[in-house]
Amino acid sequence: MEYRILLKREAAKYLASLDKPTRARIKKALEGLSKIPPEGDIVPMKGMEGWFRRRVGFLKSLAHLTPFLHTKGYATPPLN
């Protein structure tokens, strides 16, 4: 079983604007977050229960691991 990765539209747009090598590194990190248990250098956020941080180079991704409820305001990432 895996988590489903959803991105805010703004994050998906920013990801699409990055160069291909950076986009590939972020894609690999996001795929690690989708595993149960999540893989990689994942740190729980202090004071934010259920939120985790994953650093990829100069970027940080924030993830909230929760059951899937709806997708309003989110986009499935175009990670190609």
C-alpha atoms as a PDB file:
ATOM      1  CA  MET A   1       0.000   0.000   0.000  1.00  0.00           C
ATOM      2  CA  GLU A   2       1.138   3.553  -0.705  1.00  0.00           C
ATOM      3  CA  TYR A   3       0.023   7.077   0.043  1.00  0.00           C
ATOM      4  CA  ARG A   4      -1.328   9.133  -2.849  1.00  0.00           C
ATOM      5  CA  ILE A   5       0.706  12.275  -3.558  1.00  0.00           C
ATOM      6  CA  LEU A   6      -1.283  15.447  -4.206  1.00  0.00           C
ATOM      7  CA  LEU A   7       0.238  18.860  -4.785  1.00  0.00           C
ATOM      8  CA  LYS A   8      -1.227  22.320  -4.458  1.00  0.00           C
ATOM      9  CA  ARG A   9      -1.691  23.806  -7.925  1.00  0.00           C
ATOM     10  CA  GLU A  10       0.980  26.395  -7.168  1.00  0.00           C
ATOM     11  CA  ALA A  11       3.448  23.659  -6.213  1.00  0.00           C
ATOM     12  CA  ALA A  12       2.674  21.647  -9.369  1.00  0.00           C
ATOM     13  CA  LYS A  13       3.202  24.764 -11.502  1.00  0.00           C
ATOM     14  CA  TYR A  14       6.507  25.533  -9.767  1.00  0.00           C
ATOM     15  CA  LEU A  15       7.630  21.918 -10.163  1.00  0.00           C
ATOM     16  CA  ALA A  16       6.885  22.047 -13.890  1.00  0.00           C
ATOM     17  CA  SER A  17       8.992  25.225 -14.204  1.00  0.00           C
ATOM     18  CA  LEU A  18      12.128  23.576 -12.765  1.00  0.00           C
ATOM     19  CA  ASP A  19      14.935  22.135 -14.883  1.00  0.00           C
ATOM     20  CA  LYS A  20      14.727  18.431 -15.639  1.00  0.00           C
ATOM     21  CA  PRO A  21      17.450  17.172 -13.210  1.00  0.00           C
ATOM     22  CA  THR A  22      15.945  19.077 -10.269  1.00  0.00           C
ATOM     23  CA  ARG A  23      12.446  17.905 -11.177  1.00  0.00           C
ATOM     24  CA  ALA A  24      13.711  14.290 -11.266  1.00  0.00           C
ATOM     25  CA  ARG A  25      15.279  14.621  -7.779  1.00  0.00           C
ATOM     26  CA  ILE A  26      12.037  16.023  -6.387  1.00  0.00           C
ATOM     27  CA  LYS A  27      10.022  13.276  -8.087  1.00  0.00           C
ATOM     28  CA  LYS A  28      12.214  10.637  -6.432  1.00  0.00           C
ATOM     29  CA  ALA A  29      11.758  12.320  -3.025  1.00  0.00           C
ATOM     30  CA  LEU A  30       7.973  12.492  -3.472  1.00  0.00           C
ATOM     31  CA  GLU A  31       7.869   8.826  -4.446  1.00  0.00           C
ATOM     32  CA  GLY A  32       9.698   8.050  -1.174  1.00  0.00           C
ATOM     33  CA  LEU A  33       7.026   9.953   0.741  1.00  0.00           C
ATOM     34  CA  SER A  34       4.322   7.834  -0.862  1.00  0.00           C
ATOM     35  CA  LYS A  35       5.689   4.593   0.634  1.00  0.00           C
ATOM     36  CA  ILE A  36       4.394   3.123   3.886  1.00  0.00           C
ATOM     37  CA  PRO A  37       6.414   3.791   5.959  1.00  0.00           C
ATOM     38  CA  PRO A  38       7.762   6.911   4.180  1.00  0.00           C
ATOM     39  CA  GLU A  39      11.369   6.664   2.978  1.00  0.00           C
ATOM     40  CA  GLY A  40      14.146   9.217   3.076  1.00  0.00           C
ATOM     41  CA  ASP A  41      15.267  12.076   5.306  1.00  0.00           C
ATOM     42  CA  ILE A  42      11.813  12.833   6.722  1.00  0.00           C
ATOM     43  CA  VAL A  43      11.483  14.949   9.852  1.00  0.00           C
ATOM     44  CA  PRO A  44       8.224  15.505  11.788  1.00  0.00           C
ATOM     45  CA  MET A  45       7.299  19.208  12.019  1.00  0.00           C
ATOM     46  CA  LYS A  46       7.295  20.505  15.582  1.00  0.00           C
ATOM     47  CA  GLY A  47       3.896  21.723  16.706  1.00  0.00           C
ATOM     48  CA  MET A  48       2.199  20.405  13.535  1.00  0.00           C
ATOM     49  CA  GLU A  49       0.870  16.921  14.189  1.00  0.00           C
ATOM     50  CA  GLY A  50       0.764  14.737  11.084  1.00  0.00           C
ATOM     51  CA  TRP A  51       3.021  17.091   9.052  1.00  0.00           C
ATOM     52  CA  PHE A  52       6.484  16.071   7.865  1.00  0.00           C
ATOM     53  CA  ARG A  53       9.355  17.830   6.095  1.00  0.00           C
ATOM     54  CA  ARG A  54      11.532  16.348   3.387  1.00  0.00           C
ATOM     55  CA  ARG A  55      14.542  18.316   2.172  1.00  0.00           C
ATOM     56  CA  VAL A  56      15.682  17.985  -1.462  1.00  0.00           C
ATOM     57  CA  GLY A  57      18.731  20.148  -2.085  1.00  0.00           C
ATOM     58  CA  PHE A  58      17.759  23.774  -1.523  1.00  0.00           C
ATOM     59  CA  LEU A  59      14.027  22.956  -1.487  1.00  0.00           C
ATOM     60  CA  LYS A  60      11.861  21.635   1.326  1.00  0.00           C
ATOM     61  CA  SER A  61       8.647  19.763   0.744  1.00  0.00           C
ATOM     62  CA  LEU A  62       5.949  19.603   3.397  1.00  0.00           C
ATOM     63  CA  ALA A  63       3.678  16.590   3.560  1.00  0.00           C
ATOM     64  CA  HIS A  64       0.582  15.870   5.581  1.00  0.00           C
ATOM     65  CA  LEU A  65       0.050  12.138   5.824  1.00  0.00           C
ATOM     66  CA  THR A  66      -3.689  11.636   6.114  1.00  0.00           C
ATOM     67  CA  PRO A  67      -6.433   9.485   4.599  1.00  0.00           C
ATOM     68  CA  PHE A  68      -7.539  10.714   1.181  1.00  0.00           C
ATOM     69  CA  LEU A  69     -10.692  12.821   1.451  1.00  0.00           C
ATOM     70  CA  HIS A  70     -10.988  15.181  -1.536  1.00  0.00           C
ATOM     71  CA  THR A  71      -8.864  16.993  -4.097  1.00  0.00           C
ATOM     72  CA  LYS A  72     -10.257  20.538  -4.096  1.00  0.00           C
ATOM     73  CA  GLY A  73      -7.347  22.928  -4.583  1.00  0.00           C
ATOM     74  CA  TYR A  74      -4.877  20.161  -5.332  1.00  0.00           C
ATOM     75  CA  ALA A  75      -3.439  18.720  -8.526  1.00  0.00           C
ATOM     76  CA  THR A  76      -1.968  15.347  -9.321  1.00  0.00           C
ATOM     77  CA  PRO A  77       1.632  16.253 -10.191  1.00  0.00           C
ATOM     78  CA  PRO A  78       2.827  16.059 -13.800  1.00  0.00           C
ATOM     79  CA  LEU A  79       6.200  14.593 -12.848  1.00  0.00           C
ATOM     80  CA  ASN A  80       7.476  13.731 -16.343  1.00  0.00           C
END
